[in-house]
Structures are given as structure tokens and as C-alpha cells.
Amino acid sequence: MLETSIDSGRMINLREHFKLSAVYTFFAAFPALLQLIVYPAIEGEARLGAADFGYLAITEAIISVVFLICTFGMGTSIARFYYDHREKASGYGYLVSSILTGIIGRGMLLLGVALLMAPQIGQLFSQPELQDFGRYGPSLVIAGLNRSVISTLLVLYRNEKRVKAFVIVSFFSGIFRSGFQLAGVFLYDLSFIGYVYGTALGGAVMAIALAVYTYTSCGIHYKRPLLKALHRFALPLFLTEFIYWGLLFGDRFFLLNNPEELGIYDNAMKFAIGVQMIIQGLTAASQPEVYRYMKEGIKKREDEIRTVLSLFIAEAAGIISLAILPVMLFISTFYETELTLSAGLVGIIFARFLLRAQYQVFSWPLLFRKKTGVFFLINSLVLVINLSINWFLTPRIGYYGAVTAFIAAFVIQIVLLRAVQHRKAPVKYNTMKVFWFPLSIIMVAALLEAVKVLLSLNPYLTAVALVLYIWGGLAIIYRNEIQWVLSRII
């Protein structure tokens, strides 16, 4: 199997693969990397504290749900339907313009709801700081709409292999957002509300520019027959992504009764979102390759598909392992308040995002064959499990209940998704590399976290042990591939 994988690698342009992986990974993560400057700058004894970061966690949850509704699964749809319409200029223009028009239309509807129902929405919160929804709610909608426009068009650029466009948009999106966030906090309001205003205004600069450019290139269209097919494909994906929102952000609401603890947990999660964006960058390099090989024939290109999937998991695991200790040191060094405690959560929280890389591996064959209905069924069950564990554990053991719920639910998700993918869209891959080894990392991370808490160990000790386990596993399982790649590089 290893020899076959290596032989197939010779048919893949590895130099281009690694180059694109590096470029897409860095610039997909660039906006999150800039937050490393923003967060410590706005945190401190005389600035924002753990409770303020807790309120930011709730605003981010709202921005994310607005993003999901505006996007309505169009990021994945444009990635798949691009291959059906790219040969004809008019079809391509109708596709891109119609998707953008739908996103903006849904955003405007949500903005109207936020303006009209602000008092009622504010009363859903018990914290006085969050009850004045009319003051900050419309900005959350604008921020979510901005994110939807930018991310959907970035997906298009990566599929077109327009690397320069991807780089420019990612770079300036990060610059404008971070710059306006700092201005909002220090020049307008030294609270989470100033941060929210800055997020909305900074994102709007790039979103408006992209909308104008896209409509100028493709015209303004809203083709109902085309959108009908897109919506039929995207509806299960939207419901699945909505469920994933519940899996990723539902724990914030269980922790809201203790804003300080929520702030500590969410601070570690903010850095973990950077890891997720890095995985999205790897996805940007790998997913188009996988789809192209599948378009040419899964049987014909199964060796190449297997190689790309294995490399994707190895790159994700390697980057996660390299990020853990530097982020812990960064938090310990540059934060002043109770948020320094979030350094101890970095290992377990970062490791669990490897499950998102596995999710991509097992979902790509199903998405290519347009088998989107299965995602809703699987993830509905997973959401019920996650919320049930959160309801039972989080009020009792705090953020460790949230961590337990996430890991348990997502492991079940991966097991079920792999079984369905094997039956409905079979693709041969190396099971040890894409299934068992990543799951073993999650289990080792959970075991080390339990030992750390029970024995009151220094978190750096268990973090080093986790990193060494990942490196050792990669060195053993990928030894032939590593030797072959190094022989081509050196």
C-alpha cells in the first residue's frame, strides 16, 4: 500500500501541491493570525477582561449563524457546480452572480429582522450588557453578511486556481478587519461593542469591493431555474452546517451564566479557530485536486486520490502539533487577566479540530456524488448527543463538559460518516492514515488532559507529551512518504 501511495505521488505534482498548500494555508489563516495582535492589545486590567471576552463569544456565535443563513450552503455549491458551468461564459456568470444576489438578499432580510425585533432578541439574554441588542445587533448581521460574501468568492477563486486573487482578498480582509477592530475599541468604545462595530466596518470594505467587481464581471442575475437546482443541492448542506453551528457554539450558551469561565474557554477557542482556518487552507489546496481526479474517474485515479487524502491528514496533524506550544507560550506571555488560564486548554482543544480534517476526507466523495441528504441525518443525531452531554456536564464541570461533549459527538460523527461514505460513495484510502491514527491523537489528548487535571500537572508537560506522540506517529506511519518527499526536496 505504501509503495502504491508513493508511486501515485509521482503522478501528482507534489511541488505544486505543497506550494499551493503553503500559500492557501497561510493566507486562509492570515486574518486569524492578525487576531494574535488584536486580542492581547484589547485585553488587560485597564481594557477588556475575561467577562468581556465572554460577551464576544456570544457575538461571534450570532455572527456565525448569520453567516450560515446568508451563505445557505453556497460555498460548497459553488465549488461543486463550478465544474458543471465553467466551460460556458454565460453559465458561469449566471452561476456566480445568482449566488451572490441570493447571499445579499438574505442578508438584507436578516438586517430588517434585527432592526425590527431588537428589543425582543435582547430580552433573551439575562446579562444587562447583552440586552441592548438594538445597539450592536445590526452590526452583527452586517459582519455575518460580509463574511458570507468574502468566503464564498474565496472558494470560487481557489477552484479557479486564481491564487493571486485568493491571496489579495485574504490579505486585505485580515488587514481591514483587524485595523477597524482596534479602532473600534480604542477610538469609539472600550468594550465588546466597539470591537463588533470595527468587525462590521472592516469586513464591509472588502465585501463591497468584491460585490462590485463580481457584478461588473458577471452582470446582475438571479436565475431561478439555476438556483432551484443549487438550493436542492444546498439545503441538506445548510441544515448540516446549521447543526455544526450548534455543535461548535452551543456550549457557549451553557457557559454564559459564568462569563469569566466562558471568556477563558472561548479565548482558547479563538486560537483554535485559527487552526480551523489553517485546515480550510489545506482544504483549499486538496479539495479541487480530489474533485478533478473524481471527475476523471474514481477507479482510474484512485491512487492519486488516496495519496492526496493521506497527505491532507498528515499536513493537518503536523500543523496542529507545531501550533500547540507556541500558542500556549503566547497566551502565557502576552495576556494579563484570568485569560492566561486558557493556555492550559490549548492542547486538547487544538487536537479535537483534527476531527474536522477527517470530516472533509469522508465528506468529499459524498459531496462529489451529490449525496448531501445523509449529512443532515448524521449530524442531527450528533447534535442531540452534543447538546445532551453539554446540558448534563457543563453546569457541573464547566468548560471540561463542553470539551467532553465536542469530542464524544464528533467521534461518533466521524464513525457514522465513514460507514455511510464507504457504502454510498466508496473510495479506497489508507485506513490507518486517515481514520485510526487521527482518532488515536484525540484519545491520547483526552487521556493526557484527564491525567493533568487529576494529578495537577503542569500543562506544558502534557502538551509536550501530546506533540511528541503526534510527531512519533507521523514518523512511523508516513516514514516511506517522508523519505521519498525529502529525497525530492534535498
Protein backbone atom coordinates (compact mmCIF):
# COMPACT_ATOMS: atom_id res chain seq x y z
CA MET A 1 0.00 0.00 0.00
CA LEU A 2 2.81 2.41 0.87
CA GLU A 3 4.58 1.71 -2.40
CA THR A 4 1.35 2.28 -4.30
CA SER A 5 0.81 5.53 -2.48
CA ILE A 6 4.33 6.69 -3.26
CA ASP A 7 4.06 5.60 -6.88
CA SER A 8 0.85 7.57 -7.25
CA GLY A 9 2.61 10.54 -5.73
CA ARG A 10 4.92 10.55 -8.76
CA MET A 11 1.84 11.19 -10.92
CA ILE A 12 0.85 14.09 -8.68
CA ASN A 13 2.77 17.32 -8.98
CA LEU A 14 3.94 17.29 -5.36
CA ARG A 15 5.85 20.52 -5.77
CA GLU A 16 2.69 22.31 -6.86
CA HIS A 17 0.65 20.54 -4.15
CA PHE A 18 2.93 21.64 -1.33
CA LYS A 19 3.27 25.13 -2.80
CA LEU A 20 -0.49 25.58 -3.01
CA SER A 21 -0.94 24.03 0.43
CA ALA A 22 1.52 26.53 1.90
CA VAL A 23 0.01 29.54 0.10
CA TYR A 24 -3.64 28.68 0.77
CA THR A 25 -2.94 27.64 4.36
CA PHE A 26 -1.06 30.81 5.26
CA PHE A 27 -3.45 33.25 3.63
CA ALA A 28 -6.60 31.43 4.75
CA ALA A 29 -5.24 31.71 8.29
CA PHE A 30 -3.89 35.24 7.83
CA PRO A 31 -6.97 37.05 9.23
CA ALA A 32 -6.84 34.76 12.28
CA LEU A 33 -3.11 35.35 12.67
CA LEU A 34 -3.73 39.08 12.84
CA GLN A 35 -6.04 38.44 15.76
CA LEU A 36 -2.91 37.45 17.68
CA ILE A 37 -2.15 41.18 17.63
CA VAL A 38 -5.70 42.33 18.28
CA TYR A 39 -6.59 40.11 21.27
CA PRO A 40 -3.62 40.95 23.52
CA ALA A 41 -3.90 44.62 22.53
CA ILE A 42 -7.51 44.89 23.69
CA GLU A 43 -7.08 42.60 26.76
CA GLY A 44 -5.72 43.80 30.08
CA GLU A 45 -6.50 45.13 33.54
CA ALA A 46 -7.47 48.56 32.17
CA ARG A 47 -9.01 47.18 28.97
CA LEU A 48 -11.20 44.14 28.23
CA GLY A 49 -11.24 41.28 30.72
CA ALA A 50 -12.46 37.69 30.78
CA ALA A 51 -16.13 38.68 31.06
CA ASP A 52 -15.86 40.97 28.02
CA PHE A 53 -14.32 38.10 26.07
CA GLY A 54 -17.27 36.01 27.19
CA TYR A 55 -19.65 38.52 25.63
CA LEU A 56 -17.51 38.49 22.48
CA ALA A 57 -18.04 34.72 22.38
CA ILE A 58 -21.80 35.25 22.14
CA THR A 59 -21.49 37.94 19.47
CA GLU A 60 -19.26 35.61 17.42
CA ALA A 61 -21.89 32.88 17.74
CA ILE A 62 -24.51 35.28 16.35
CA ILE A 63 -22.23 36.44 13.51
CA SER A 64 -21.63 32.80 12.62
CA VAL A 65 -25.32 31.91 12.46
CA VAL A 66 -25.97 34.99 10.28
CA PHE A 67 -23.12 33.84 8.03
CA LEU A 68 -24.72 30.40 7.70
CA ILE A 69 -28.13 31.78 6.76
CA CYS A 70 -26.70 34.25 4.25
CA THR A 71 -24.44 31.62 2.67
CA PHE A 72 -27.07 28.84 2.65
CA GLY A 73 -24.52 26.22 1.63
CA MET A 74 -23.40 28.22 -1.41
CA GLY A 75 -19.70 27.88 -0.58
CA THR A 76 -19.85 24.14 -1.16
CA SER A 77 -22.35 24.57 -4.01
CA ILE A 78 -20.15 26.95 -5.97
CA ALA A 79 -17.22 24.55 -5.51
CA ARG A 80 -19.23 21.67 -6.98
CA PHE A 81 -21.34 23.40 -9.66
CA TYR A 82 -18.36 25.36 -10.93
CA TYR A 83 -17.29 22.17 -12.73
CA ASP A 84 -20.70 21.97 -14.43
CA HIS A 85 -20.68 25.59 -15.70
CA ARG A 86 -17.06 26.59 -16.19
CA GLU A 87 -16.99 25.76 -19.91
CA LYS A 88 -19.63 28.35 -20.85
CA ALA A 89 -19.11 32.03 -20.00
CA SER A 90 -22.80 32.84 -19.69
CA GLY A 91 -23.46 29.83 -17.49
CA TYR A 92 -20.53 30.77 -15.28
CA GLY A 93 -21.73 34.37 -14.99
CA TYR A 94 -25.28 33.31 -14.15
CA LEU A 95 -23.98 30.89 -11.51
CA VAL A 96 -21.70 33.34 -9.69
CA SER A 97 -23.97 36.38 -9.94
CA SER A 98 -27.11 34.49 -8.88
CA ILE A 99 -25.35 33.06 -5.84
CA LEU A 100 -24.07 36.50 -4.82
CA THR A 101 -27.50 38.08 -5.27
CA GLY A 102 -29.08 35.40 -3.09
CA ILE A 103 -26.49 35.94 -0.34
CA ILE A 104 -27.04 39.72 -0.30
CA GLY A 105 -30.82 39.32 -0.38
CA ARG A 106 -30.84 37.00 2.63
CA GLY A 107 -28.52 39.39 4.46
CA MET A 108 -30.86 42.32 3.89
CA LEU A 109 -33.81 40.32 5.21
CA LEU A 110 -31.90 39.43 8.37
CA LEU A 111 -30.88 43.07 8.84
CA GLY A 112 -34.55 44.04 8.73
CA VAL A 113 -35.39 41.42 11.35
CA ALA A 114 -32.57 42.64 13.61
CA LEU A 115 -33.79 46.24 13.37
CA LEU A 116 -37.46 45.43 13.96
CA MET A 117 -37.10 42.81 16.70
CA ALA A 118 -34.06 44.10 18.58
CA PRO A 119 -35.91 44.55 21.94
CA GLN A 120 -37.35 41.04 21.85
CA ILE A 121 -33.98 39.49 20.91
CA GLY A 122 -32.22 41.41 23.68
CA GLN A 123 -34.60 40.03 26.30
CA LEU A 124 -33.37 36.50 25.52
CA PHE A 125 -30.22 37.34 27.49
CA SER A 126 -30.05 37.72 31.26
CA GLN A 127 -26.84 39.79 31.16
CA PRO A 128 -27.50 43.56 31.00
CA GLU A 129 -24.51 44.02 28.69
CA LEU A 130 -26.19 41.88 26.02
CA GLN A 131 -29.77 43.09 26.41
CA ASP A 132 -29.37 46.29 24.34
CA PHE A 133 -29.40 44.29 21.10
CA GLY A 134 -30.50 47.29 19.08
CA ARG A 135 -27.14 48.89 19.77
CA TYR A 136 -24.95 46.09 18.43
CA GLY A 137 -27.23 43.55 16.73
CA PRO A 138 -27.42 45.16 13.24
CA SER A 139 -23.62 45.31 13.16
CA LEU A 140 -23.51 41.56 13.85
CA VAL A 141 -25.74 40.95 10.81
CA ILE A 142 -23.55 43.15 8.62
CA ALA A 143 -20.44 41.31 9.85
CA GLY A 144 -22.01 37.93 9.06
CA LEU A 145 -23.09 39.10 5.57
CA ASN A 146 -19.59 40.41 4.88
CA ARG A 147 -18.08 37.09 5.88
CA SER A 148 -20.51 35.20 3.64
CA VAL A 149 -19.67 37.26 0.55
CA ILE A 150 -15.92 37.06 1.11
CA SER A 151 -15.72 33.35 1.96
CA THR A 152 -17.97 32.23 -0.92
CA LEU A 153 -15.94 34.13 -3.50
CA LEU A 154 -12.70 32.81 -1.98
CA VAL A 155 -13.99 29.28 -2.58
CA LEU A 156 -14.60 30.23 -6.21
CA TYR A 157 -11.09 31.66 -6.60
CA ARG A 158 -9.45 28.55 -5.18
CA ASN A 159 -11.37 26.30 -7.58
CA GLU A 160 -10.37 28.52 -10.49
CA LYS A 161 -6.78 28.38 -9.18
CA ARG A 162 -6.73 32.17 -9.10
CA VAL A 163 -4.06 32.15 -6.43
CA LYS A 164 -3.29 35.89 -6.66
CA ALA A 165 -6.94 36.79 -6.17
CA PHE A 166 -7.17 34.42 -3.20
CA VAL A 167 -4.05 35.95 -1.63
CA ILE A 168 -5.09 39.58 -2.18
CA VAL A 169 -8.61 39.12 -0.82
CA SER A 170 -7.45 37.11 2.22
CA PHE A 171 -4.68 39.60 2.99
CA PHE A 172 -6.75 42.76 2.82
CA SER A 173 -9.73 41.14 4.54
CA GLY A 174 -7.50 40.49 7.53
CA ILE A 175 -5.90 43.95 7.43
CA PHE A 176 -9.17 45.88 7.25
CA ARG A 177 -10.97 43.76 9.84
CA SER A 178 -8.18 43.87 12.41
CA GLY A 179 -7.46 47.56 11.86
CA PHE A 180 -11.09 48.56 12.31
CA GLN A 181 -11.44 46.29 15.36
CA LEU A 182 -8.59 48.11 17.10
CA ALA A 183 -10.03 51.48 16.07
CA GLY A 184 -13.47 50.49 17.31
CA VAL A 185 -12.20 49.53 20.76
CA PHE A 186 -9.73 52.35 21.36
CA LEU A 187 -11.31 55.21 19.44
CA TYR A 188 -15.03 54.54 19.84
CA ASP A 189 -15.95 52.36 22.82
CA LEU A 190 -13.66 50.42 25.15
CA SER A 191 -15.95 47.39 25.25
CA PHE A 192 -17.03 44.43 23.17
CA ILE A 193 -19.39 46.75 21.27
CA GLY A 194 -16.51 48.78 19.83
CA TYR A 195 -14.96 45.51 18.66
CA VAL A 196 -18.24 44.49 16.98
CA TYR A 197 -18.53 47.82 15.15
CA GLY A 198 -14.96 47.50 13.92
CA THR A 199 -15.58 43.95 12.70
CA ALA A 200 -18.61 45.07 10.69
CA LEU A 201 -16.98 48.12 9.12
CA GLY A 202 -13.68 46.41 8.33
CA GLY A 203 -15.37 43.49 6.61
CA ALA A 204 -17.69 45.78 4.67
CA VAL A 205 -14.77 47.44 2.87
CA MET A 206 -13.71 44.16 1.21
CA ALA A 207 -17.22 42.73 0.79
CA ILE A 208 -18.48 45.80 -1.08
CA ALA A 209 -15.40 45.86 -3.31
CA LEU A 210 -15.85 42.17 -4.17
CA ALA A 211 -19.56 42.59 -4.87
CA VAL A 212 -18.91 45.50 -7.25
CA TYR A 213 -16.13 43.58 -9.02
CA THR A 214 -18.24 40.43 -9.37
CA TYR A 215 -21.31 42.19 -10.71
CA THR A 216 -19.15 44.17 -13.13
CA SER A 217 -17.62 40.93 -14.44
CA CYS A 218 -20.69 38.68 -14.43
CA GLY A 219 -23.64 41.06 -14.57
CA ILE A 220 -26.51 41.19 -12.10
CA HIS A 221 -28.56 37.99 -12.30
CA TYR A 222 -30.97 35.91 -10.26
CA LYS A 223 -31.75 32.84 -12.36
CA ARG A 224 -34.49 30.89 -10.59
CA PRO A 225 -34.10 27.57 -12.53
CA LEU A 226 -30.38 27.54 -11.75
CA LEU A 227 -30.95 28.48 -8.11
CA LYS A 228 -33.61 25.81 -7.78
CA ALA A 229 -31.01 23.13 -8.57
CA LEU A 230 -28.49 24.84 -6.30
CA HIS A 231 -30.94 25.05 -3.41
CA ARG A 232 -31.93 21.41 -3.80
CA PHE A 233 -28.24 20.51 -3.53
CA ALA A 234 -27.50 23.03 -0.77
CA LEU A 235 -30.49 22.59 1.56
CA PRO A 236 -29.14 19.45 3.28
CA LEU A 237 -25.74 21.17 3.49
CA PHE A 238 -27.28 24.28 5.05
CA LEU A 239 -29.11 22.19 7.63
CA THR A 240 -25.91 20.26 8.28
CA GLU A 241 -23.90 23.47 8.70
CA PHE A 242 -26.59 24.85 11.00
CA ILE A 243 -26.21 21.72 13.07
CA TYR A 244 -22.46 22.18 13.05
CA TRP A 245 -23.00 25.71 14.31
CA GLY A 246 -24.89 24.19 17.22
CA LEU A 247 -22.05 21.74 17.81
CA LEU A 248 -19.40 24.47 17.70
CA PHE A 249 -21.20 27.30 19.50
CA GLY A 250 -23.94 25.70 21.58
CA ASP A 251 -21.59 25.19 24.52
CA ARG A 252 -21.11 29.00 24.75
CA PHE A 253 -24.71 29.41 25.86
CA PHE A 254 -24.37 26.69 28.51
CA LEU A 255 -21.36 28.60 29.88
CA LEU A 256 -22.94 32.07 29.69
CA ASN A 257 -24.01 32.05 33.35
CA ASN A 258 -20.30 32.38 34.17
CA PRO A 259 -18.97 34.97 31.67
CA GLU A 260 -15.42 34.77 33.08
CA GLU A 261 -15.19 31.00 32.55
CA LEU A 262 -16.79 31.41 29.15
CA GLY A 263 -14.15 34.01 28.28
CA ILE A 264 -11.32 31.66 29.31
CA TYR A 265 -12.74 28.80 27.25
CA ASP A 266 -13.56 30.98 24.27
CA ASN A 267 -10.10 32.56 24.24
CA ALA A 268 -8.58 29.12 23.64
CA MET A 269 -11.27 28.51 21.03
CA LYS A 270 -10.41 31.76 19.25
CA PHE A 271 -6.91 30.45 18.65
CA ALA A 272 -8.37 27.08 17.68
CA ILE A 273 -10.49 28.80 15.04
CA GLY A 274 -7.14 29.84 13.57
CA VAL A 275 -6.29 26.14 13.39
CA GLN A 276 -9.61 25.50 11.68
CA MET A 277 -8.80 28.20 9.13
CA ILE A 278 -5.44 26.56 8.51
CA ILE A 279 -7.29 23.31 7.83
CA GLN A 280 -9.53 25.27 5.48
CA GLY A 281 -6.40 26.45 3.72
CA LEU A 282 -5.25 22.86 3.32
CA THR A 283 -8.74 22.06 2.08
CA ALA A 284 -8.42 24.84 -0.50
CA ALA A 285 -5.35 23.08 -1.92
CA SER A 286 -6.60 19.48 -1.68
CA GLN A 287 -10.33 19.57 -2.42
CA PRO A 288 -10.06 20.84 -6.03
CA GLU A 289 -7.46 18.15 -6.74
CA VAL A 290 -9.70 15.44 -5.31
CA TYR A 291 -12.70 16.69 -7.30
CA ARG A 292 -10.67 16.84 -10.51
CA TYR A 293 -9.46 13.27 -10.03
CA MET A 294 -13.01 12.12 -9.29
CA LYS A 295 -14.23 13.90 -12.40
CA GLU A 296 -11.70 11.89 -14.44
CA GLY A 297 -12.88 8.66 -12.82
CA ILE A 298 -12.57 7.40 -9.25
CA LYS A 299 -11.38 3.96 -10.33
CA LYS A 300 -8.91 5.43 -12.79
CA ARG A 301 -7.46 7.89 -10.28
CA GLU A 302 -7.85 6.03 -7.00
CA ASP A 303 -4.10 6.02 -6.29
CA GLU A 304 -3.88 9.79 -6.66
CA ILE A 305 -7.00 10.31 -4.55
CA ARG A 306 -5.60 8.08 -1.81
CA THR A 307 -2.30 9.97 -1.81
CA VAL A 308 -3.92 13.43 -1.60
CA LEU A 309 -6.21 12.33 1.26
CA SER A 310 -3.31 10.86 3.22
CA LEU A 311 -1.17 13.97 2.72
CA PHE A 312 -4.08 16.17 3.78
CA ILE A 313 -4.41 14.38 7.14
CA ALA A 314 -0.62 14.34 7.67
CA GLU A 315 -0.36 18.07 6.98
CA ALA A 316 -3.27 18.84 9.32
CA ALA A 317 -1.82 16.75 12.16
CA GLY A 318 1.65 18.22 11.65
CA ILE A 319 0.45 21.83 11.70
CA ILE A 320 -1.71 21.24 14.80
CA SER A 321 1.28 19.74 16.63
CA LEU A 322 3.51 22.66 15.66
CA ALA A 323 0.95 25.23 16.84
CA ILE A 324 0.22 23.92 20.35
CA LEU A 325 3.31 25.00 22.31
CA PRO A 326 3.84 28.40 20.61
CA VAL A 327 0.21 29.39 21.25
CA MET A 328 0.47 28.33 24.91
CA LEU A 329 3.61 30.42 25.32
CA PHE A 330 1.99 33.35 23.54
CA ILE A 331 -1.03 33.34 25.86
CA SER A 332 1.12 32.95 28.98
CA THR A 333 3.38 35.82 27.92
CA PHE A 334 1.07 38.46 26.45
CA TYR A 335 -2.18 38.11 28.41
CA GLU A 336 -2.68 39.74 31.81
CA THR A 337 -6.06 38.70 33.23
CA GLU A 338 -7.66 35.33 34.02
CA LEU A 339 -7.42 34.62 30.29
CA THR A 340 -3.91 33.25 30.89
CA LEU A 341 -5.65 30.11 32.18
CA SER A 342 -6.77 29.37 28.61
CA ALA A 343 -3.19 28.30 27.79
CA GLY A 344 -3.85 25.05 29.65
CA LEU A 345 -6.74 24.18 27.31
CA VAL A 346 -4.85 24.65 24.04
CA GLY A 347 -3.64 21.05 23.64
CA ILE A 348 -6.99 19.30 23.94
CA ILE A 349 -8.91 21.98 22.01
CA PHE A 350 -6.43 22.11 19.13
CA ALA A 351 -6.27 18.32 18.84
CA ARG A 352 -10.01 17.96 18.55
CA PHE A 353 -10.04 20.04 15.35
CA LEU A 354 -8.27 17.15 13.63
CA LEU A 355 -11.75 15.65 13.54
CA ARG A 356 -12.69 18.43 11.12
CA ALA A 357 -9.95 17.29 8.75
CA GLN A 358 -11.33 13.74 8.91
CA TYR A 359 -14.80 15.12 8.22
CA GLN A 360 -13.51 16.64 4.98
CA VAL A 361 -11.90 13.37 3.88
CA PHE A 362 -15.08 11.33 4.28
CA SER A 363 -17.45 14.02 3.00
CA TRP A 364 -15.71 14.82 -0.31
CA PRO A 365 -16.76 11.59 -2.09
CA LEU A 366 -20.36 12.05 -0.91
CA LEU A 367 -20.43 15.70 -1.95
CA PHE A 368 -19.00 14.92 -5.38
CA ARG A 369 -21.75 12.38 -5.98
CA LYS A 370 -24.28 14.92 -4.62
CA LYS A 371 -25.31 12.62 -1.76
CA THR A 372 -26.00 15.53 0.57
CA GLY A 373 -29.04 14.17 2.38
CA VAL A 374 -27.00 11.86 4.60
CA PHE A 375 -25.23 14.78 6.26
CA PHE A 376 -28.44 16.10 7.80
CA LEU A 377 -29.40 12.73 9.28
CA ILE A 378 -25.99 12.02 10.76
CA ASN A 379 -25.43 15.48 12.14
CA SER A 380 -28.92 15.76 13.63
CA LEU A 381 -28.11 12.74 15.78
CA VAL A 382 -24.70 14.16 16.62
CA LEU A 383 -26.22 17.50 17.68
CA VAL A 384 -28.66 15.78 20.03
CA ILE A 385 -25.79 13.87 21.62
CA ASN A 386 -23.66 17.01 21.94
CA LEU A 387 -26.38 19.16 23.49
CA SER A 388 -27.41 16.37 25.87
CA ILE A 389 -23.87 15.96 27.18
CA ASN A 390 -23.49 19.73 27.45
CA TRP A 391 -26.76 20.02 29.35
CA PHE A 392 -25.72 17.34 31.80
CA LEU A 393 -22.00 18.05 32.26
CA THR A 394 -21.25 21.72 31.53
CA PRO A 395 -23.16 23.21 34.51
CA ARG A 396 -21.29 20.72 36.75
CA ILE A 397 -17.72 20.76 35.45
CA GLY A 398 -17.61 23.94 33.37
CA TYR A 399 -15.66 24.07 30.15
CA TYR A 400 -14.48 20.47 30.52
CA GLY A 401 -18.10 19.48 29.98
CA ALA A 402 -18.04 21.41 26.71
CA VAL A 403 -14.78 19.73 25.67
CA THR A 404 -16.19 16.27 26.52
CA ALA A 405 -19.39 16.93 24.58
CA PHE A 406 -17.47 18.10 21.49
CA ILE A 407 -15.12 15.12 21.38
CA ALA A 408 -17.79 12.49 22.06
CA ALA A 409 -20.19 13.89 19.46
CA PHE A 410 -17.60 14.40 16.74
CA VAL A 411 -16.03 10.97 17.15
CA ILE A 412 -19.49 9.45 16.66
CA GLN A 413 -19.95 11.73 13.65
CA ILE A 414 -16.73 10.52 12.00
CA VAL A 415 -17.53 6.85 12.61
CA LEU A 416 -21.02 7.18 11.10
CA LEU A 417 -19.88 9.33 8.18
CA ARG A 418 -17.12 6.88 7.28
CA ALA A 419 -19.60 3.99 7.28
CA VAL A 420 -22.07 5.85 5.04
CA GLN A 421 -19.33 7.07 2.69
CA HIS A 422 -17.99 3.52 2.33
CA ARG A 423 -21.44 2.31 1.30
CA LYS A 424 -22.75 5.18 -0.87
CA ALA A 425 -19.56 6.61 -2.40
CA PRO A 426 -16.75 4.09 -1.93
CA VAL A 427 -13.20 5.35 -2.31
CA LYS A 428 -10.10 3.38 -1.41
CA TYR A 429 -7.85 5.11 1.11
CA ASN A 430 -5.33 4.14 3.75
CA THR A 431 -7.47 3.45 6.81
CA MET A 432 -4.62 3.75 9.28
CA LYS A 433 -3.61 7.17 7.97
CA VAL A 434 -7.00 8.85 7.57
CA PHE A 435 -9.05 7.09 10.26
CA TRP A 436 -7.26 5.28 13.07
CA PHE A 437 -4.19 7.49 13.56
CA PRO A 438 -6.13 10.79 13.79
CA LEU A 439 -8.61 9.23 16.22
CA SER A 440 -5.72 7.93 18.34
CA ILE A 441 -4.41 11.51 18.64
CA ILE A 442 -7.79 12.64 20.01
CA MET A 443 -7.88 9.78 22.51
CA VAL A 444 -4.31 10.44 23.68
CA ALA A 445 -5.07 14.16 24.06
CA ALA A 446 -8.16 13.39 26.16
CA LEU A 447 -6.24 10.92 28.34
CA LEU A 448 -3.42 13.39 28.93
CA GLU A 449 -5.90 16.13 29.84
CA ALA A 450 -7.57 13.86 32.39
CA VAL A 451 -4.20 12.94 33.92
CA LYS A 452 -3.22 16.63 34.04
CA VAL A 453 -6.38 17.58 35.96
CA LEU A 454 -6.31 14.61 38.34
CA LEU A 455 -2.62 14.97 39.20
CA SER A 456 -2.47 18.79 38.89
CA LEU A 457 0.36 18.53 36.38
CA ASN A 458 1.95 21.48 34.59
CA PRO A 459 0.01 21.86 31.31
CA TYR A 460 3.25 22.22 29.36
CA LEU A 461 4.24 18.70 30.43
CA THR A 462 1.16 17.06 28.93
CA ALA A 463 1.31 19.34 25.87
CA VAL A 464 4.88 18.22 25.12
CA ALA A 465 3.81 14.58 25.52
CA LEU A 466 0.96 15.10 23.03
CA VAL A 467 3.23 16.80 20.49
CA LEU A 468 5.80 14.01 20.76
CA TYR A 469 3.08 11.40 20.22
CA ILE A 470 1.93 13.15 17.02
CA TRP A 471 5.46 13.52 15.69
CA GLY A 472 6.30 9.92 16.52
CA GLY A 473 3.15 8.65 14.83
CA LEU A 474 3.80 10.68 11.69
CA ALA A 475 7.41 9.50 11.55
CA ILE A 476 6.37 5.83 11.78
CA ILE A 477 3.20 5.76 9.68
CA TYR A 478 4.45 8.11 6.97
CA ARG A 479 8.12 7.06 7.02
CA ASN A 480 8.22 5.94 3.37
CA GLU A 481 6.42 9.04 2.13
CA ILE A 482 8.65 11.31 4.23
CA GLN A 483 11.81 9.66 2.86
CA TRP A 484 10.52 9.90 -0.71
CA VAL A 485 9.49 13.58 -0.41
CA LEU A 486 12.77 14.51 1.28
CA SER A 487 14.73 12.76 -1.46
CA ARG A 488 12.98 15.01 -4.00
CA ILE A 489 13.46 18.21 -1.97
CA ILE A 490 17.05 17.84 -0.74
